[in-house]
């Protein structure tokens, strides 16, 4: 005699006297999880830290605003002629210290150069110094600190003492001493100085993050299965220890831009004919009463740039910190 038809979602009796949902059993047999058709629901696949962070960043207005400002700065640092058609080195003493005029909204500096053009072209130097210094500091500091945190022992002790020595050197004083003997007008001596004194901070962050990550169960399981040191570092520890380094490096980028302007203001950073906000601020400080526009525009551009990178770093920190969720 044929078996009675079971409607979809019916409850079928089991051999042990219990019951089971046929729809659930069919879903399990087909390898599908209960929940919505888009994968949502209680059994949806768990998202990674990075996907969660990106989702939070896209909803954070601070990240959006700072990201748009930084994108604009990067674009005009690569193609300054998009919004400034003049030459920052074309000067006319007849226009010295004059205020805004048609085609010259920011006025002129003490040598008759267009302040607007110099502010636009000065973006390239600031962004270049900040990005190159951050990349160098992050690379050297994370490699040395990560190795020290992973292997420990004498290597960790030696690196800790070396970083203590560098932390004892005042940054501005070190710049005055080291850069005063440099005659080059390029950005590379300044970048090298920042990397030299900046890597210990990232090294400490990377060391602590690696020490925390290597104590997790998945690293111990990989070690028990015979994984090599290089595999544990690259596949298991680094992806889970790099978040604090990214946060600190993002915030430090704005600090390096401000440091470059400070050193150029003191006369030991970038030197003319390089166009730099720090150089223009230093030159305009003598005329702040008679021509304040010469100082306000480059100083305002510097402040906005530094603030944008600090805001970006704060947003990234909030997104990558699981304790804030």
Foldseek 3Di string as FASTA:
>chain_A
DDDDDADQQHWDADPVRHIDGPNCVVCVVVVHDDDDPVQDDPPRDDDDLVVQLVVLLVVDVLNVVLVVVVVVLVVLLVVVCVPQVDDQPDADCVQALPQADVVQHLGAHRRRGRLVSLLSNQSNLLLVLLVLLLVLLLVVQLVLLLVCLVPPDPSVVVLVVVLVVLVVDDLLVVLCVPLVPDDDQDQVVLSVSSSVSRNSVLSVLNSVLQNVQCPDPVNVVCVVVPHDPVCCVPPRRCVRRCLVSVLVSLLVSLVSSVVLLVCVLVPRHHDPPRRHLSVQLNRCVVVCPPRVSSNVVSVVSSVSNSVSSNSNSVSSVCSSDPVND
